[in-house]
Amino acid sequence: MMSRMRKVAGMAVLGAVMTLTACASVEEEPVVDETITLETAKQTTMQVERQIAELVPDVSPDAIQQQQEGVLLSCSDDGVKRWTGRTTVAVDPGRSDGLLDAVQEHFAALEGFESLRETSQGGIDLTTVRRDGYLWLVSIERDGALLDVTSGSACIRLAPSEERLSSY
């Protein structure tokens, strides 16, 4: 029950962050990448989730839990969607110190990424945005025992056969 509540809360936060980062003002439409498919958006988002997870020192593959299905959130009223995902990593006690710094440094070295640290109700979060609209919200949970990565793809237009999907 608590895990489901955390997932719903994470998606709500991600949705709010995406709304704020998608456009500078309420009148502007989000930038839509017409060149990518839903599958490409999903794979790109999940690949970066995995990169973040692998920044945990001495991480065991069993410690990484990456959801294979994500929710599709609306980017606009005309059917444009964003694929959202989540990866968690069980962290050994004491190994989470400096982890957000390592993630932020990793992205600072990559062109097209920008990161911002924020203090939230649960602690400190790191929001990383890629120039083309992808984003990852990284937080340390459970007193340092869990790295939580909630993500969202760039806004895309779904194929007609995908338009009725709520998750993928």
C-alpha atoms as a PDB file:
ATOM      1  CA  MET A   1       0.000   0.000   0.000  1.00  0.00           C
ATOM      2  CA  MET A   2       2.778   2.437   0.958  1.00  0.00           C
ATOM      3  CA  SER A   3       4.687   1.625  -2.262  1.00  0.00           C
ATOM      4  CA  ARG A   4       1.576   2.371  -4.364  1.00  0.00           C
ATOM      5  CA  MET A   5       1.036   5.655  -2.512  1.00  0.00           C
ATOM      6  CA  ARG A   6       4.687   6.593  -3.087  1.00  0.00           C
ATOM      7  CA  LYS A   7       4.339   5.792  -6.801  1.00  0.00           C
ATOM      8  CA  VAL A   8       1.197   7.920  -7.112  1.00  0.00           C
ATOM      9  CA  ALA A   9       2.870  10.764  -5.202  1.00  0.00           C
ATOM     10  CA  GLY A  10       5.960  10.458  -7.408  1.00  0.00           C
ATOM     11  CA  MET A  11       3.868  10.635 -10.567  1.00  0.00           C
ATOM     12  CA  ALA A  12       2.005  13.679  -9.217  1.00  0.00           C
ATOM     13  CA  VAL A  13       5.285  15.458  -8.471  1.00  0.00           C
ATOM     14  CA  LEU A  14       6.679  14.448 -11.854  1.00  0.00           C
ATOM     15  CA  GLY A  15       3.530  15.715 -13.568  1.00  0.00           C
ATOM     16  CA  ALA A  16       3.828  19.055 -11.790  1.00  0.00           C
ATOM     17  CA  VAL A  17       7.532  19.373 -12.628  1.00  0.00           C
ATOM     18  CA  MET A  18       6.847  18.451 -16.264  1.00  0.00           C
ATOM     19  CA  THR A  19       4.081  21.004 -16.489  1.00  0.00           C
ATOM     20  CA  LEU A  20       6.427  23.689 -15.185  1.00  0.00           C
ATOM     21  CA  THR A  21       9.312  22.697 -17.463  1.00  0.00           C
ATOM     22  CA  ALA A  22       7.246  21.998 -20.578  1.00  0.00           C
ATOM     23  CA  CYS A  23       6.503  25.618 -21.298  1.00  0.00           C
ATOM     24  CA  ALA A  24       7.425  29.067 -20.129  1.00  0.00           C
ATOM     25  CA  SER A  25       3.855  30.275 -19.902  1.00  0.00           C
ATOM     26  CA  VAL A  26       0.387  28.794 -19.857  1.00  0.00           C
ATOM     27  CA  GLU A  27      -0.322  29.971 -23.427  1.00  0.00           C
ATOM     28  CA  GLU A  28       2.651  28.152 -24.980  1.00  0.00           C
ATOM     29  CA  GLU A  29       2.251  24.630 -26.342  1.00  0.00           C
ATOM     30  CA  PRO A  30       4.884  22.082 -25.338  1.00  0.00           C
ATOM     31  CA  VAL A  31       7.614  21.264 -27.811  1.00  0.00           C
ATOM     32  CA  VAL A  32       6.708  17.993 -29.535  1.00  0.00           C
ATOM     33  CA  ASP A  33       9.358  15.728 -31.007  1.00  0.00           C
ATOM     34  CA  GLU A  34       7.636  14.487 -34.164  1.00  0.00           C
ATOM     35  CA  THR A  35      10.627  12.289 -35.076  1.00  0.00           C
ATOM     36  CA  ILE A  36      10.427   9.708 -32.289  1.00  0.00           C
ATOM     37  CA  THR A  37       8.075   6.851 -31.569  1.00  0.00           C
ATOM     38  CA  LEU A  38       6.609   5.839 -28.245  1.00  0.00           C
ATOM     39  CA  GLU A  39       9.042   2.912 -28.087  1.00  0.00           C
ATOM     40  CA  THR A  40      12.039   5.196 -28.727  1.00  0.00           C
ATOM     41  CA  ALA A  41      10.849   7.654 -26.066  1.00  0.00           C
ATOM     42  CA  LYS A  42      10.468   4.801 -23.577  1.00  0.00           C
ATOM     43  CA  GLN A  43      13.861   3.234 -24.341  1.00  0.00           C
ATOM     44  CA  THR A  44      15.705   6.567 -24.180  1.00  0.00           C
ATOM     45  CA  THR A  45      14.117   7.424 -20.839  1.00  0.00           C
ATOM     46  CA  MET A  46      14.841   3.988 -19.385  1.00  0.00           C
ATOM     47  CA  GLN A  47      18.444   4.029 -20.609  1.00  0.00           C
ATOM     48  CA  VAL A  48      19.203   7.192 -18.628  1.00  0.00           C
ATOM     49  CA  GLU A  49      17.360   5.783 -15.578  1.00  0.00           C
ATOM     50  CA  ARG A  50      19.755   2.838 -15.778  1.00  0.00           C
ATOM     51  CA  GLN A  51      22.791   5.150 -16.064  1.00  0.00           C
ATOM     52  CA  ILE A  52      21.682   6.923 -12.904  1.00  0.00           C
ATOM     53  CA  ALA A  53      21.141   3.615 -11.076  1.00  0.00           C
ATOM     54  CA  GLU A  54      24.613   2.443 -12.032  1.00  0.00           C
ATOM     55  CA  LEU A  55      26.165   5.515 -10.385  1.00  0.00           C
ATOM     56  CA  VAL A  56      25.437   3.922  -6.995  1.00  0.00           C
ATOM     57  CA  PRO A  57      28.787   2.584  -5.707  1.00  0.00           C
ATOM     58  CA  ASP A  58      29.098  -1.212  -5.787  1.00  0.00           C
ATOM     59  CA  VAL A  59      25.495  -1.618  -6.900  1.00  0.00           C
ATOM     60  CA  SER A  60      24.291  -5.165  -7.385  1.00  0.00           C
ATOM     61  CA  PRO A  61      22.078  -5.830 -10.430  1.00  0.00           C
ATOM     62  CA  ASP A  62      19.519  -7.320  -8.005  1.00  0.00           C
ATOM     63  CA  ALA A  63      19.324  -3.977  -6.196  1.00  0.00           C
ATOM     64  CA  ILE A  64      17.995  -2.207  -9.313  1.00  0.00           C
ATOM     65  CA  GLN A  65      14.246  -2.404  -9.922  1.00  0.00           C
ATOM     66  CA  GLN A  66      13.243  -0.801 -13.211  1.00  0.00           C
ATOM     67  CA  GLN A  67       9.580  -0.731 -14.149  1.00  0.00           C
ATOM     68  CA  GLN A  68       9.022  -2.053 -17.644  1.00  0.00           C
ATOM     69  CA  GLU A  69       5.683  -0.316 -18.103  1.00  0.00           C
ATOM     70  CA  GLY A  70       5.006   3.358 -17.558  1.00  0.00           C
ATOM     71  CA  VAL A  71       2.080   5.734 -17.533  1.00  0.00           C
ATOM     72  CA  LEU A  72       1.363   8.067 -20.441  1.00  0.00           C
ATOM     73  CA  LEU A  73       0.740  11.639 -19.263  1.00  0.00           C
ATOM     74  CA  SER A  74      -0.775  14.385 -21.398  1.00  0.00           C
ATOM     75  CA  CYS A  75       1.496  17.194 -22.541  1.00  0.00           C
ATOM     76  CA  SER A  76      -1.335  19.124 -24.175  1.00  0.00           C
ATOM     77  CA  ASP A  77      -5.015  19.008 -25.011  1.00  0.00           C
ATOM     78  CA  ASP A  78      -4.419  17.690 -28.543  1.00  0.00           C
ATOM     79  CA  GLY A  79      -3.314  14.184 -27.588  1.00  0.00           C
ATOM     80  CA  VAL A  80       0.417  14.753 -27.226  1.00  0.00           C
ATOM     81  CA  LYS A  81       1.802  12.434 -24.532  1.00  0.00           C
ATOM     82  CA  ARG A  82       4.881  11.824 -22.413  1.00  0.00           C
ATOM     83  CA  TRP A  83       6.002   8.336 -21.323  1.00  0.00           C
ATOM     84  CA  THR A  84       6.839   8.178 -17.609  1.00  0.00           C
ATOM     85  CA  GLY A  85       8.880   5.565 -15.826  1.00  0.00           C
ATOM     86  CA  ARG A  86      10.495   4.714 -12.537  1.00  0.00           C
ATOM     87  CA  THR A  87      13.595   2.938 -11.300  1.00  0.00           C
ATOM     88  CA  THR A  88      14.566   2.330  -7.685  1.00  0.00           C
ATOM     89  CA  VAL A  89      17.870   1.153  -6.286  1.00  0.00           C
ATOM     90  CA  ALA A  90      18.378  -0.383  -2.852  1.00  0.00           C
ATOM     91  CA  VAL A  91      21.392   1.406  -1.388  1.00  0.00           C
ATOM     92  CA  ASP A  92      23.635   0.011   1.343  1.00  0.00           C
ATOM     93  CA  PRO A  93      23.516   2.109   4.519  1.00  0.00           C
ATOM     94  CA  GLY A  94      26.010   4.947   4.331  1.00  0.00           C
ATOM     95  CA  ARG A  95      26.438   4.651   0.530  1.00  0.00           C
ATOM     96  CA  SER A  96      23.912   7.364  -0.313  1.00  0.00           C
ATOM     97  CA  ASP A  97      26.085  10.211   1.006  1.00  0.00           C
ATOM     98  CA  GLY A  98      27.222  12.227  -1.994  1.00  0.00           C
ATOM     99  CA  LEU A  99      25.094  10.221  -4.412  1.00  0.00           C
ATOM    100  CA  LEU A 100      23.081  13.198  -5.651  1.00  0.00           C
ATOM    101  CA  ASP A 101      26.387  15.050  -6.121  1.00  0.00           C
ATOM    102  CA  ALA A 102      27.668  12.172  -8.276  1.00  0.00           C
ATOM    103  CA  VAL A 103      24.497  12.187 -10.385  1.00  0.00           C
ATOM    104  CA  GLN A 104      24.661  15.955 -10.822  1.00  0.00           C
ATOM    105  CA  GLU A 105      28.356  15.812 -11.786  1.00  0.00           C
ATOM    106  CA  HIS A 106      27.633  13.008 -14.273  1.00  0.00           C
ATOM    107  CA  PHE A 107      25.075  15.139 -16.107  1.00  0.00           C
ATOM    108  CA  ALA A 108      27.142  18.324 -15.865  1.00  0.00           C
ATOM    109  CA  ALA A 109      29.738  16.569 -18.034  1.00  0.00           C
ATOM    110  CA  LEU A 110      27.164  15.769 -20.737  1.00  0.00           C
ATOM    111  CA  GLU A 111      26.100  18.292 -23.343  1.00  0.00           C
ATOM    112  CA  GLY A 112      22.418  19.225 -23.399  1.00  0.00           C
ATOM    113  CA  PHE A 113      21.637  18.352 -19.758  1.00  0.00           C
ATOM    114  CA  GLU A 114      20.848  20.726 -16.921  1.00  0.00           C
ATOM    115  CA  SER A 115      20.315  19.812 -13.257  1.00  0.00           C
ATOM    116  CA  LEU A 116      18.697  21.655 -10.381  1.00  0.00           C
ATOM    117  CA  ARG A 117      18.724  20.654  -6.704  1.00  0.00           C
ATOM    118  CA  GLU A 118      15.670  21.418  -4.628  1.00  0.00           C
ATOM    119  CA  THR A 119      14.617  20.826  -1.057  1.00  0.00           C
ATOM    120  CA  SER A 120      11.271  19.066  -0.779  1.00  0.00           C
ATOM    121  CA  GLN A 121       9.166  17.649   2.046  1.00  0.00           C
ATOM    122  CA  GLY A 122      11.078  14.374   1.893  1.00  0.00           C
ATOM    123  CA  GLY A 123      14.574  15.836   1.618  1.00  0.00           C
ATOM    124  CA  ILE A 124      16.655  16.923  -1.338  1.00  0.00           C
ATOM    125  CA  ASP A 125      15.699  16.152  -4.927  1.00  0.00           C
ATOM    126  CA  LEU A 126      17.692  16.535  -8.113  1.00  0.00           C
ATOM    127  CA  THR A 127      15.782  17.359 -11.282  1.00  0.00           C
ATOM    128  CA  THR A 128      17.715  16.797 -14.505  1.00  0.00           C
ATOM    129  CA  VAL A 129      16.308  18.023 -17.801  1.00  0.00           C
ATOM    130  CA  ARG A 130      17.620  17.283 -21.258  1.00  0.00           C
ATOM    131  CA  ARG A 131      17.353  20.041 -23.838  1.00  0.00           C
ATOM    132  CA  ASP A 132      14.848  18.048 -25.925  1.00  0.00           C
ATOM    133  CA  GLY A 133      12.336  17.708 -23.085  1.00  0.00           C
ATOM    134  CA  TYR A 134      13.260  14.484 -21.278  1.00  0.00           C
ATOM    135  CA  LEU A 135      13.556  14.720 -17.502  1.00  0.00           C
ATOM    136  CA  TRP A 136      14.535  12.680 -14.458  1.00  0.00           C
ATOM    137  CA  LEU A 137      13.652  13.424 -10.821  1.00  0.00           C
ATOM    138  CA  VAL A 138      16.188  11.757  -8.503  1.00  0.00           C
ATOM    139  CA  SER A 139      15.724  11.517  -4.741  1.00  0.00           C
ATOM    140  CA  ILE A 140      17.134   9.596  -1.799  1.00  0.00           C
ATOM    141  CA  GLU A 141      14.410   7.915   0.270  1.00  0.00           C
ATOM    142  CA  ARG A 142      14.047   5.735   3.365  1.00  0.00           C
ATOM    143  CA  ASP A 143      16.834   7.395   5.339  1.00  0.00           C
ATOM    144  CA  GLY A 144      19.339   6.841   2.549  1.00  0.00           C
ATOM    145  CA  ALA A 145      18.422   3.234   1.774  1.00  0.00           C
ATOM    146  CA  LEU A 146      16.708   3.870  -1.582  1.00  0.00           C
ATOM    147  CA  LEU A 147      17.551   5.874  -4.691  1.00  0.00           C
ATOM    148  CA  ASP A 148      14.319   6.749  -6.506  1.00  0.00           C
ATOM    149  CA  VAL A 149      14.358   7.887 -10.147  1.00  0.00           C
ATOM    150  CA  THR A 150      11.067   9.047 -11.653  1.00  0.00           C
ATOM    151  CA  SER A 151      11.325  10.006 -15.310  1.00  0.00           C
ATOM    152  CA  GLY A 152       9.515  11.400 -18.299  1.00  0.00           C
ATOM    153  CA  SER A 153      10.209  11.370 -22.011  1.00  0.00           C
ATOM    154  CA  ALA A 154      10.007  14.233 -24.436  1.00  0.00           C
ATOM    155  CA  CYS A 155       6.474  15.033 -25.605  1.00  0.00           C
ATOM    156  CA  ILE A 156       5.500  12.870 -28.567  1.00  0.00           C
ATOM    157  CA  ARG A 157       2.547  12.330 -30.842  1.00  0.00           C
ATOM    158  CA  LEU A 158       1.253   8.784 -30.555  1.00  0.00           C
ATOM    159  CA  ALA A 159       0.522   6.611 -33.550  1.00  0.00           C
ATOM    160  CA  PRO A 160      -3.230   6.135 -34.162  1.00  0.00           C
ATOM    161  CA  SER A 161      -3.029   2.586 -32.757  1.00  0.00           C
ATOM    162  CA  GLU A 162      -1.527   3.957 -29.511  1.00  0.00           C
ATOM    163  CA  GLU A 163      -3.882   6.874 -28.868  1.00  0.00           C
ATOM    164  CA  ARG A 164      -6.139   5.006 -26.457  1.00  0.00           C
ATOM    165  CA  LEU A 165      -3.276   3.683 -24.309  1.00  0.00           C
ATOM    166  CA  SER A 166      -3.014   4.928 -20.729  1.00  0.00           C
ATOM    167  CA  SER A 167       0.170   2.960 -20.044  1.00  0.00           C
ATOM    168  CA  TYR A 168       2.828   1.283 -22.122  1.00  0.00           C
END
